[in-house]
Amino acid sequence: MNNLALGKKGEKAALSHLKKIGYQILQTNVRTRFSEIDIIANDNQTICFVEVKTRRSTRKGLPREAVTLAKQKKIIQGATYYLKKNGLFDNKIRFDVVEVFKQNDNT
């Protein structure tokens, strides 16, 4: 499985988990000129911008460690654009990272 397929599978698992714990999914794979936001969801009246990181192992570190300062800045720019475009600046917001570990070929 290549990295793109692994990432898509991880995003699908993250979506399922977020729905299960009560998040209302607003949009997925939102592309702006600044970045792509994997998942935008509502959690208890807070808009969550969710970055999903999927890994086969921790050999190169934890998935969340791949969300570097540069990546965080791009996500913030993309979120700001989304909020402005949709007139949502009065809402509470949060940035989340969901880590997904691939256990075997079936997960």
PDB file of N, CA and C in Angstrom:
ATOM      1  N   MET A   1       0.844  -1.171   0.000  1.00  0.00           N
ATOM      2  CA  MET A   1       0.000   0.000   0.000  1.00  0.00           C
ATOM      3  C   MET A   1       0.895   1.243   0.000  1.00  0.00           C
ATOM      4  N   ASN A   2       0.654   2.134  -0.961  1.00  0.00           N
ATOM      5  CA  ASN A   2       1.468   3.353  -1.019  1.00  0.00           C
ATOM      6  C   ASN A   2       1.012   4.368   0.030  1.00  0.00           C
ATOM      7  N   ASN A   3       1.789   5.419   0.189  1.00  0.00           N
ATOM      8  CA  ASN A   3       1.499   6.406   1.236  1.00  0.00           C
ATOM      9  C   ASN A   3       0.174   7.121   1.034  1.00  0.00           C
ATOM     10  N   LEU A   4      -0.202   7.399  -0.215  1.00  0.00           N
ATOM     11  CA  LEU A   4      -1.468   8.075  -0.485  1.00  0.00           C
ATOM     12  C   LEU A   4      -2.642   7.188  -0.065  1.00  0.00           C
ATOM     13  N   ALA A   5      -2.585   5.918  -0.441  1.00  0.00           N
ATOM     14  CA  ALA A   5      -3.642   4.978  -0.064  1.00  0.00           C
ATOM     15  C   ALA A   5      -3.699   4.811   1.454  1.00  0.00           C
ATOM     16  N   LEU A   6      -2.536   4.744   2.083  1.00  0.00           N
ATOM     17  CA  LEU A   6      -2.470   4.624   3.538  1.00  0.00           C
ATOM     18  C   LEU A   6      -3.118   5.846   4.199  1.00  0.00           C
ATOM     19  N   GLY A   7      -2.818   7.022   3.680  1.00  0.00           N
ATOM     20  CA  GLY A   7      -3.393   8.249   4.217  1.00  0.00           C
ATOM     21  C   GLY A   7      -4.907   8.291   4.079  1.00  0.00           C
ATOM     22  N   LYS A   8      -5.417   7.878   2.931  1.00  0.00           N
ATOM     23  CA  LYS A   8      -6.868   7.856   2.698  1.00  0.00           C
ATOM     24  C   LYS A   8      -7.547   6.871   3.641  1.00  0.00           C
ATOM     25  N   LYS A   9      -6.917   5.727   3.839  1.00  0.00           N
ATOM     26  CA  LYS A   9      -7.464   4.729   4.753  1.00  0.00           C
ATOM     27  C   LYS A   9      -7.478   5.269   6.180  1.00  0.00           C
ATOM     28  N   GLY A  10      -6.430   5.977   6.560  1.00  0.00           N
ATOM     29  CA  GLY A  10      -6.361   6.589   7.878  1.00  0.00           C
ATOM     30  C   GLY A  10      -7.435   7.657   8.068  1.00  0.00           C
ATOM     31  N   GLU A  11      -7.678   8.470   7.040  1.00  0.00           N
ATOM     32  CA  GLU A  11      -8.711   9.495   7.117  1.00  0.00           C
ATOM     33  C   GLU A  11     -10.089   8.870   7.280  1.00  0.00           C
ATOM     34  N   LYS A  12     -10.319   7.771   6.582  1.00  0.00           N
ATOM     35  CA  LYS A  12     -11.599   7.061   6.699  1.00  0.00           C
ATOM     36  C   LYS A  12     -11.785   6.537   8.123  1.00  0.00           C
ATOM     37  N   ALA A  13     -10.744   5.973   8.704  1.00  0.00           N
ATOM     38  CA  ALA A  13     -10.811   5.474  10.083  1.00  0.00           C
ATOM     39  C   ALA A  13     -11.039   6.622  11.067  1.00  0.00           C
ATOM     40  N   ALA A  14     -10.362   7.747  10.832  1.00  0.00           N
ATOM     41  CA  ALA A  14     -10.525   8.911  11.709  1.00  0.00           C
ATOM     42  C   ALA A  14     -11.956   9.442  11.640  1.00  0.00           C
ATOM     43  N   LEU A  15     -12.509   9.523  10.434  1.00  0.00           N
ATOM     44  CA  LEU A  15     -13.898   9.975  10.265  1.00  0.00           C
ATOM     45  C   LEU A  15     -14.853   9.093  11.052  1.00  0.00           C
ATOM     46  N   SER A  16     -14.675   7.801  10.917  1.00  0.00           N
ATOM     47  CA  SER A  16     -15.529   6.846  11.618  1.00  0.00           C
ATOM     48  C   SER A  16     -15.440   7.048  13.131  1.00  0.00           C
ATOM     49  N   HIS A  17     -14.232   7.212  13.622  1.00  0.00           N
ATOM     50  CA  HIS A  17     -14.023   7.412  15.060  1.00  0.00           C
ATOM     51  C   HIS A  17     -14.659   8.718  15.536  1.00  0.00           C
ATOM     52  N   LEU A  18     -14.440   9.791  14.803  1.00  0.00           N
ATOM     53  CA  LEU A  18     -14.991  11.082  15.210  1.00  0.00           C
ATOM     54  C   LEU A  18     -16.517  11.054  15.238  1.00  0.00           C
ATOM     55  N   LYS A  19     -17.122  10.430  14.244  1.00  0.00           N
ATOM     56  CA  LYS A  19     -18.583  10.297  14.233  1.00  0.00           C
ATOM     57  C   LYS A  19     -19.054   9.493  15.446  1.00  0.00           C
ATOM     58  N   LYS A  20     -18.337   8.426  15.732  1.00  0.00           N
ATOM     59  CA  LYS A  20     -18.699   7.540  16.846  1.00  0.00           C
ATOM     60  C   LYS A  20     -18.682   8.277  18.182  1.00  0.00           C
ATOM     61  N   ILE A  21     -17.765   9.232  18.344  1.00  0.00           N
ATOM     62  CA  ILE A  21     -17.681   9.947  19.619  1.00  0.00           C
ATOM     63  C   ILE A  21     -18.472  11.264  19.602  1.00  0.00           C
ATOM     64  N   GLY A  22     -19.276  11.459  18.558  1.00  0.00           N
ATOM     65  CA  GLY A  22     -20.236  12.554  18.558  1.00  0.00           C
ATOM     66  C   GLY A  22     -19.910  13.794  17.763  1.00  0.00           C
ATOM     67  N   TYR A  23     -18.818  13.781  17.016  1.00  0.00           N
ATOM     68  CA  TYR A  23     -18.511  14.937  16.170  1.00  0.00           C
ATOM     69  C   TYR A  23     -19.490  14.968  15.001  1.00  0.00           C
ATOM     70  N   GLN A  24     -19.897  16.159  14.610  1.00  0.00           N
ATOM     71  CA  GLN A  24     -20.696  16.341  13.404  1.00  0.00           C
ATOM     72  C   GLN A  24     -19.714  16.751  12.302  1.00  0.00           C
ATOM     73  N   ILE A  25     -19.570  15.922  11.298  1.00  0.00           N
ATOM     74  CA  ILE A  25     -18.625  16.203  10.215  1.00  0.00           C
ATOM     75  C   ILE A  25     -19.230  17.258   9.290  1.00  0.00           C
ATOM     76  N   LEU A  26     -18.516  18.339   9.107  1.00  0.00           N
ATOM     77  CA  LEU A  26     -18.975  19.421   8.231  1.00  0.00           C
ATOM     78  C   LEU A  26     -18.440  19.252   6.811  1.00  0.00           C
ATOM     79  N   GLN A  27     -17.130  18.986   6.699  1.00  0.00           N
ATOM     80  CA  GLN A  27     -16.513  18.796   5.386  1.00  0.00           C
ATOM     81  C   GLN A  27     -15.243  17.975   5.542  1.00  0.00           C
ATOM     82  N   THR A  28     -14.841  17.355   4.448  1.00  0.00           N
ATOM     83  CA  THR A  28     -13.572  16.632   4.430  1.00  0.00           C
ATOM     84  C   THR A  28     -12.748  17.086   3.235  1.00  0.00           C
ATOM     85  N   ASN A  29     -11.455  16.951   3.368  1.00  0.00           N
ATOM     86  CA  ASN A  29     -10.506  17.294   2.308  1.00  0.00           C
ATOM     87  C   ASN A  29     -10.778  18.661   1.692  1.00  0.00           C
ATOM     88  N   VAL A  30     -10.835  19.654   2.551  1.00  0.00           N
ATOM     89  CA  VAL A  30     -11.099  21.029   2.111  1.00  0.00           C
ATOM     90  C   VAL A  30      -9.788  21.637   1.610  1.00  0.00           C
ATOM     91  N   ARG A  31      -9.791  22.006   0.354  1.00  0.00           N
ATOM     92  CA  ARG A  31      -8.599  22.598  -0.245  1.00  0.00           C
ATOM     93  C   ARG A  31      -8.762  24.116  -0.327  1.00  0.00           C
ATOM     94  N   THR A  32      -7.754  24.798   0.185  1.00  0.00           N
ATOM     95  CA  THR A  32      -7.698  26.244   0.019  1.00  0.00           C
ATOM     96  C   THR A  32      -6.388  26.530  -0.719  1.00  0.00           C
ATOM     97  N   ARG A  33      -6.154  27.777  -1.026  1.00  0.00           N
ATOM     98  CA  ARG A  33      -4.894  28.080  -1.705  1.00  0.00           C
ATOM     99  C   ARG A  33      -3.704  27.941  -0.754  1.00  0.00           C
ATOM    100  N   PHE A  34      -3.982  27.812   0.539  1.00  0.00           N
ATOM    101  CA  PHE A  34      -2.933  27.709   1.547  1.00  0.00           C
ATOM    102  C   PHE A  34      -2.609  26.275   1.946  1.00  0.00           C
ATOM    103  N   SER A  35      -3.653  25.448   2.040  1.00  0.00           N
ATOM    104  CA  SER A  35      -3.448  24.091   2.545  1.00  0.00           C
ATOM    105  C   SER A  35      -4.677  23.234   2.282  1.00  0.00           C
ATOM    106  N   GLU A  36      -4.544  21.964   2.615  1.00  0.00           N
ATOM    107  CA  GLU A  36      -5.701  21.067   2.626  1.00  0.00           C
ATOM    108  C   GLU A  36      -5.974  20.725   4.077  1.00  0.00           C
ATOM    109  N   ILE A  37      -7.232  20.863   4.470  1.00  0.00           N
ATOM    110  CA  ILE A  37      -7.646  20.492   5.812  1.00  0.00           C
ATOM    111  C   ILE A  37      -8.361  19.161   5.694  1.00  0.00           C
ATOM    112  N   ASP A  38      -7.860  18.163   6.419  1.00  0.00           N
ATOM    113  CA  ASP A  38      -8.397  16.807   6.280  1.00  0.00           C
ATOM    114  C   ASP A  38      -9.866  16.720   6.672  1.00  0.00           C
ATOM    115  N   ILE A  39     -10.205  17.233   7.847  1.00  0.00           N
ATOM    116  CA  ILE A  39     -11.580  17.149   8.344  1.00  0.00           C
ATOM    117  C   ILE A  39     -11.930  18.448   9.060  1.00  0.00           C
ATOM    118  N   ILE A  40     -13.126  18.949   8.764  1.00  0.00           N
ATOM    119  CA  ILE A  40     -13.679  20.062   9.535  1.00  0.00           C
ATOM    120  C   ILE A  40     -14.947  19.517  10.178  1.00  0.00           C
ATOM    121  N   ALA A  41     -15.014  19.647  11.497  1.00  0.00           N
ATOM    122  CA  ALA A  41     -16.131  19.065  12.234  1.00  0.00           C
ATOM    123  C   ALA A  41     -16.605  20.019  13.316  1.00  0.00           C
ATOM    124  N   ASN A  42     -17.801  19.733  13.822  1.00  0.00           N
ATOM    125  CA  ASN A  42     -18.346  20.484  14.939  1.00  0.00           C
ATOM    126  C   ASN A  42     -18.368  19.548  16.139  1.00  0.00           C
ATOM    127  N   ASP A  43     -17.748  19.972  17.218  1.00  0.00           N
ATOM    128  CA  ASP A  43     -17.744  19.216  18.466  1.00  0.00           C
ATOM    129  C   ASP A  43     -18.257  20.117  19.573  1.00  0.00           C
ATOM    130  N   ASN A  44     -19.513  19.909  19.933  1.00  0.00           N
ATOM    131  CA  ASN A  44     -20.095  20.663  21.041  1.00  0.00           C
ATOM    132  C   ASN A  44     -19.983  22.169  20.809  1.00  0.00           C
ATOM    133  N   GLN A  45     -20.393  22.615  19.635  1.00  0.00           N
ATOM    134  CA  GLN A  45     -20.407  24.019  19.225  1.00  0.00           C
ATOM    135  C   GLN A  45     -19.012  24.633  19.078  1.00  0.00           C
ATOM    136  N   THR A  46     -18.024  23.786  18.834  1.00  0.00           N
ATOM    137  CA  THR A  46     -16.666  24.236  18.536  1.00  0.00           C
ATOM    138  C   THR A  46     -16.288  23.687  17.168  1.00  0.00           C
ATOM    139  N   ILE A  47     -15.846  24.549  16.281  1.00  0.00           N
ATOM    140  CA  ILE A  47     -15.398  24.094  14.966  1.00  0.00           C
ATOM    141  C   ILE A  47     -13.987  23.537  15.116  1.00  0.00           C
ATOM    142  N   CYS A  48     -13.807  22.299  14.699  1.00  0.00           N
ATOM    143  CA  CYS A  48     -12.519  21.617  14.825  1.00  0.00           C
ATOM    144  C   CYS A  48     -11.907  21.423  13.446  1.00  0.00           C
ATOM    145  N   PHE A  49     -10.685  21.845  13.310  1.00  0.00           N
ATOM    146  CA  PHE A  49      -9.908  21.615  12.105  1.00  0.00           C
ATOM    147  C   PHE A  49      -8.980  20.447  12.428  1.00  0.00           C
ATOM    148  N   VAL A  50      -9.215  19.330  11.775  1.00  0.00           N
ATOM    149  CA  VAL A  50      -8.556  18.080  12.154  1.00  0.00           C
ATOM    150  C   VAL A  50      -7.539  17.657  11.099  1.00  0.00           C
ATOM    151  N   GLU A  51      -6.324  17.451  11.542  1.00  0.00           N
ATOM    152  CA  GLU A  51      -5.250  16.914  10.705  1.00  0.00           C
ATOM    153  C   GLU A  51      -5.104  15.431  11.066  1.00  0.00           C
ATOM    154  N   VAL A  52      -5.137  14.576  10.063  1.00  0.00           N
ATOM    155  CA  VAL A  52      -5.012  13.134  10.290  1.00  0.00           C
ATOM    156  C   VAL A  52      -3.632  12.688   9.825  1.00  0.00           C
ATOM    157  N   LYS A  53      -2.928  11.993  10.688  1.00  0.00           N
ATOM    158  CA  LYS A  53      -1.611  11.453  10.353  1.00  0.00           C
ATOM    159  C   LYS A  53      -1.629   9.948  10.585  1.00  0.00           C
ATOM    160  N   THR A  54      -1.290   9.209   9.548  1.00  0.00           N
ATOM    161  CA  THR A  54      -1.319   7.749   9.600  1.00  0.00           C
ATOM    162  C   THR A  54       0.086   7.219   9.407  1.00  0.00           C
ATOM    163  N   ARG A  55       0.441   6.245  10.221  1.00  0.00           N
ATOM    164  CA  ARG A  55       1.774   5.647  10.142  1.00  0.00           C
ATOM    165  C   ARG A  55       1.694   4.135  10.296  1.00  0.00           C
ATOM    166  N   ARG A  56       2.679   3.472   9.720  1.00  0.00           N
ATOM    167  CA  ARG A  56       2.810   2.020   9.871  1.00  0.00           C
ATOM    168  C   ARG A  56       3.535   1.656  11.171  1.00  0.00           C
ATOM    169  N   SER A  57       4.419   2.566  11.619  1.00  0.00           N
ATOM    170  CA  SER A  57       5.189   2.319  12.831  1.00  0.00           C
ATOM    171  C   SER A  57       5.641   3.665  13.399  1.00  0.00           C
ATOM    172  N   THR A  58       6.310   3.601  14.541  1.00  0.00           N
ATOM    173  CA  THR A  58       6.850   4.826  15.149  1.00  0.00           C
ATOM    174  C   THR A  58       8.346   4.962  14.870  1.00  0.00           C
ATOM    175  N   ARG A  59       8.835   4.188  13.919  1.00  0.00           N
ATOM    176  CA  ARG A  59      10.264   4.203  13.588  1.00  0.00           C
ATOM    177  C   ARG A  59      10.778   5.612  13.293  1.00  0.00           C
ATOM    178  N   LYS A  60       9.952   6.418  12.649  1.00  0.00           N
ATOM    179  CA  LYS A  60      10.347   7.801  12.337  1.00  0.00           C
ATOM    180  C   LYS A  60       9.672   8.798  13.273  1.00  0.00           C
ATOM    181  N   GLY A  61       9.189   8.319  14.416  1.00  0.00           N
ATOM    182  CA  GLY A  61       8.530   9.188  15.387  1.00  0.00           C
ATOM    183  C   GLY A  61       7.029   8.993  15.378  1.00  0.00           C
ATOM    184  N   LEU A  62       6.372   9.658  16.300  1.00  0.00           N
ATOM    185  CA  LEU A  62       4.915   9.598  16.394  1.00  0.00           C
ATOM    186  C   LEU A  62       4.281  10.375  15.248  1.00  0.00           C
ATOM    187  N   PRO A  63       3.100   9.963  14.812  1.00  0.00           N
ATOM    188  CA  PRO A  63       2.442  10.687  13.709  1.00  0.00           C
ATOM    189  C   PRO A  63       2.285  12.183  13.976  1.00  0.00           C
ATOM    190  N   ARG A  64       1.923  12.533  15.208  1.00  0.00           N
ATOM    191  CA  ARG A  64       1.704  13.953  15.516  1.00  0.00           C
ATOM    192  C   ARG A  64       2.968  14.790  15.348  1.00  0.00           C
ATOM    193  N   GLU A  65       4.122  14.155  15.436  1.00  0.00           N
ATOM    194  CA  GLU A  65       5.375  14.890  15.279  1.00  0.00           C
ATOM    195  C   GLU A  65       5.584  15.368  13.841  1.00  0.00           C
ATOM    196  N   ALA A  66       4.820  14.812  12.916  1.00  0.00           N
ATOM    197  CA  ALA A  66       4.897  15.240  11.518  1.00  0.00           C
ATOM    198  C   ALA A  66       4.135  16.545  11.277  1.00  0.00           C
ATOM    199  N   VAL A  67       3.367  16.984  12.277  1.00  0.00           N
ATOM    200  CA  VAL A  67       2.653  18.255  12.159  1.00  0.00           C
ATOM    201  C   VAL A  67       3.600  19.343  12.676  1.00  0.00           C
ATOM    202  N   THR A  68       4.511  19.701  11.814  1.00  0.00           N
ATOM    203  CA  THR A  68       5.563  20.664  12.143  1.00  0.00           C
ATOM    204  C   THR A  68       4.996  22.076  12.273  1.00  0.00           C
ATOM    205  N   LEU A  69       5.814  22.980  12.739  1.00  0.00           N
ATOM    206  CA  LEU A  69       5.403  24.378  12.846  1.00  0.00           C
ATOM    207  C   LEU A  69       4.976  24.924  11.481  1.00  0.00           C
ATOM    208  N   ALA A  70       5.713  24.586  10.447  1.00  0.00           N
ATOM    209  CA  ALA A  70       5.349  25.038   9.093  1.00  0.00           C
ATOM    210  C   ALA A  70       3.980  24.489   8.686  1.00  0.00           C
ATOM    211  N   LYS A  71       3.718  23.213   8.985  1.00  0.00           N
ATOM    212  CA  LYS A  71       2.425  22.603   8.671  1.00  0.00           C
ATOM    213  C   LYS A  71       1.320  23.264   9.482  1.00  0.00           C
ATOM    214  N   GLN A  72       1.588  23.549  10.756  1.00  0.00           N
ATOM    215  CA  GLN A  72       0.607  24.216  11.606  1.00  0.00           C
ATOM    216  C   GLN A  72       0.237  25.590  11.040  1.00  0.00           C
ATOM    217  N   LYS A  73       1.231  26.321  10.573  1.00  0.00           N
ATOM    218  CA  LYS A  73       0.972  27.643   9.998  1.00  0.00           C
ATOM    219  C   LYS A  73       0.086  27.536   8.764  1.00  0.00           C
ATOM    220  N   LYS A  74       0.331  26.526   7.925  1.00  0.00           N
ATOM    221  CA  LYS A  74      -0.500  26.333   6.731  1.00  0.00           C
ATOM    222  C   LYS A  74      -1.935  25.976   7.106  1.00  0.00           C
ATOM    223  N   ILE A  75      -2.087  25.122   8.117  1.00  0.00           N
ATOM    224  CA  ILE A  75      -3.431  24.749   8.567  1.00  0.00           C
ATOM    225  C   ILE A  75      -4.158  25.980   9.117  1.00  0.00           C
ATOM    226  N   ILE A  76      -3.455  26.800   9.877  1.00  0.00           N
ATOM    227  CA  ILE A  76      -4.061  28.029  10.421  1.00  0.00           C
ATOM    228  C   ILE A  76      -4.488  28.957   9.287  1.00  0.00           C
ATOM    229  N   GLN A  77      -3.645  29.095   8.265  1.00  0.00           N
ATOM    230  CA  GLN A  77      -4.011  29.940   7.117  1.00  0.00           C
ATOM    231  C   GLN A  77      -5.245  29.383   6.408  1.00  0.00           C
ATOM    232  N   GLY A  78      -5.273  28.075   6.207  1.00  0.00           N
ATOM    233  CA  GLY A  78      -6.426  27.447   5.566  1.00  0.00           C
ATOM    234  C   GLY A  78      -7.686  27.600   6.402  1.00  0.00           C
ATOM    235  N   ALA A  79      -7.562  27.436   7.720  1.00  0.00           N
ATOM    236  CA  ALA A  79      -8.707  27.586   8.618  1.00  0.00           C
ATOM    237  C   ALA A  79      -9.221  29.023   8.611  1.00  0.00           C
ATOM    238  N   THR A  80      -8.307  29.979   8.619  1.00  0.00           N
ATOM    239  CA  THR A  80      -8.695  31.390   8.590  1.00  0.00           C
ATOM    240  C   THR A  80      -9.473  31.699   7.317  1.00  0.00           C
ATOM    241  N   TYR A  81      -8.981  31.192   6.197  1.00  0.00           N
ATOM    242  CA  TYR A  81      -9.673  31.372   4.913  1.00  0.00           C
ATOM    243  C   TYR A  81     -11.078  30.769   4.984  1.00  0.00           C
ATOM    244  N   TYR A  82     -11.180  29.540   5.498  1.00  0.00           N
ATOM    245  CA  TYR A  82     -12.472  28.847   5.600  1.00  0.00           C
ATOM    246  C   TYR A  82     -13.439  29.642   6.485  1.00  0.00           C
ATOM    247  N   LEU A  83     -12.965  30.103   7.635  1.00  0.00           N
ATOM    248  CA  LEU A  83     -13.817  30.865   8.550  1.00  0.00           C
ATOM    249  C   LEU A  83     -14.302  32.154   7.910  1.00  0.00           C
ATOM    250  N   LYS A  84     -13.396  32.851   7.223  1.00  0.00           N
ATOM    251  CA  LYS A  84     -13.758  34.111   6.558  1.00  0.00           C
ATOM    252  C   LYS A  84     -14.755  33.863   5.432  1.00  0.00           C
ATOM    253  N   LYS A  85     -14.472  32.871   4.614  1.00  0.00           N
ATOM    254  CA  LYS A  85     -15.339  32.548   3.465  1.00  0.00           C
ATOM    255  C   LYS A  85     -16.755  32.193   3.909  1.00  0.00           C
ATOM    256  N   ASN A  86     -16.865  31.534   5.070  1.00  0.00           N
ATOM    257  CA  ASN A  86     -18.163  31.061   5.544  1.00  0.00           C
ATOM    258  C   ASN A  86     -18.764  31.920   6.659  1.00  0.00           C
ATOM    259  N   GLY A  87     -18.162  33.067   6.942  1.00  0.00           N
ATOM    260  CA  GLY A  87     -18.694  33.974   7.953  1.00  0.00           C
ATOM    261  C   GLY A  87     -18.788  33.345   9.334  1.00  0.00           C
ATOM    262  N   LEU A  88     -17.753  32.618   9.729  1.00  0.00           N
ATOM    263  CA  LEU A  88     -17.787  31.864  10.979  1.00  0.00           C
ATOM    264  C   LEU A  88     -16.823  32.381  12.048  1.00  0.00           C
ATOM    265  N   PHE A  89     -16.379  33.617  11.946  1.00  0.00           N
ATOM    266  CA  PHE A  89     -15.389  34.135  12.890  1.00  0.00           C
ATOM    267  C   PHE A  89     -15.903  34.244  14.323  1.00  0.00           C
ATOM    268  N   ASP A  90     -17.214  34.223  14.539  1.00  0.00           N
ATOM    269  CA  ASP A  90     -17.752  34.331  15.895  1.00  0.00           C
ATOM    270  C   ASP A  90     -17.787  32.990  16.619  1.00  0.00           C
ATOM    271  N   ASN A  91     -17.376  31.924  15.964  1.00  0.00           N
ATOM    272  CA  ASN A  91     -17.410  30.596  16.564  1.00  0.00           C
ATOM    273  C   ASN A  91     -16.120  30.283  17.318  1.00  0.00           C
ATOM    274  N   LYS A  92     -16.257  29.407  18.314  1.00  0.00           N
ATOM    275  CA  LYS A  92     -15.066  28.867  18.966  1.00  0.00           C
ATOM    276  C   LYS A  92     -14.439  27.887  17.983  1.00  0.00           C
ATOM    277  N   ILE A  93     -13.113  27.840  17.973  1.00  0.00           N
ATOM    278  CA  ILE A  93     -12.428  26.901  17.084  1.00  0.00           C
ATOM    279  C   ILE A  93     -11.367  26.133  17.858  1.00  0.00           C
ATOM    280  N   ARG A  94     -10.943  25.033  17.257  1.00  0.00           N
ATOM    281  CA  ARG A  94      -9.908  24.202  17.863  1.00  0.00           C
ATOM    282  C   ARG A  94      -9.188  23.463  16.737  1.00  0.00           C
ATOM    283  N   PHE A  95      -7.933  23.154  16.974  1.00  0.00           N
ATOM    284  CA  PHE A  95      -7.146  22.382  16.029  1.00  0.00           C
ATOM    285  C   PHE A  95      -6.814  21.044  16.682  1.00  0.00           C
ATOM    286  N   ASP A  96      -7.147  19.962  16.007  1.00  0.00           N
ATOM    287  CA  ASP A  96      -6.910  18.613  16.526  1.00  0.00           C
ATOM    288  C   ASP A  96      -5.991  17.854  15.584  1.00  0.00           C
ATOM    289  N   VAL A  97      -5.277  16.893  16.143  1.00  0.00           N
ATOM    290  CA  VAL A  97      -4.517  15.925  15.342  1.00  0.00           C
ATOM    291  C   VAL A  97      -5.010  14.546  15.741  1.00  0.00           C
ATOM    292  N   VAL A  98      -5.392  13.751  14.755  1.00  0.00           N
ATOM    293  CA  VAL A  98      -5.783  12.367  14.991  1.00  0.00           C
ATOM    294  C   VAL A  98      -4.668  11.482  14.457  1.00  0.00           C
ATOM    295  N   GLU A  99      -4.139  10.632  15.334  1.00  0.00           N
ATOM    296  CA  GLU A  99      -3.093   9.684  14.947  1.00  0.00           C
ATOM    297  C   GLU A  99      -3.733   8.334  14.646  1.00  0.00           C
ATOM    298  N   VAL A 100      -3.352   7.765  13.506  1.00  0.00           N
ATOM    299  CA  VAL A 100      -3.847   6.442  13.123  1.00  0.00           C
ATOM    300  C   VAL A 100      -2.637   5.554  12.863  1.00  0.00           C
ATOM    301  N   PHE A 101      -2.677   4.382  13.476  1.00  0.00           N
ATOM    302  CA  PHE A 101      -1.612   3.404  13.252  1.00  0.00           C
ATOM    303  C   PHE A 101      -2.171   2.229  12.475  1.00  0.00           C
ATOM    304  N   LYS A 102      -1.499   1.884  11.382  1.00  0.00           N
ATOM    305  CA  LYS A 102      -1.910   0.743  10.584  1.00  0.00           C
ATOM    306  C   LYS A 102      -1.406  -0.527  11.278  1.00  0.00           C
ATOM    307  N   GLN A 103      -2.338  -1.386  11.694  1.00  0.00           N
ATOM    308  CA  GLN A 103      -1.994  -2.590  12.424  1.00  0.00           C
ATOM    309  C   GLN A 103      -1.552  -3.724  11.495  1.00  0.00           C
ATOM    310  N   ASN A 104      -2.339  -3.919  10.417  1.00  0.00           N
ATOM    311  CA  ASN A 104      -2.040  -4.988   9.459  1.00  0.00           C
ATOM    312  C   ASN A 104      -2.714  -4.639   8.138  1.00  0.00           C
ATOM    313  N   ASP A 105      -2.735  -5.551   7.214  1.00  0.00           N
ATOM    314  CA  ASP A 105      -3.301  -5.250   5.897  1.00  0.00           C
ATOM    315  C   ASP A 105      -4.807  -5.067   5.930  1.00  0.00           C
ATOM    316  N   ASN A 106      -5.484  -5.477   6.998  1.00  0.00           N
ATOM    317  CA  ASN A 106      -6.934  -5.379   7.080  1.00  0.00           C
ATOM    318  C   ASN A 106      -7.411  -4.101   7.776  1.00  0.00           C
ATOM    319  N   THR A 107      -6.503  -3.314   8.362  1.00  0.00           N
ATOM    320  CA  THR A 107      -6.945  -2.111   9.095  1.00  0.00           C
ATOM    321  C   THR A 107      -6.379  -0.859   8.483  1.00  0.00           C
TER     322      THR A 107
END
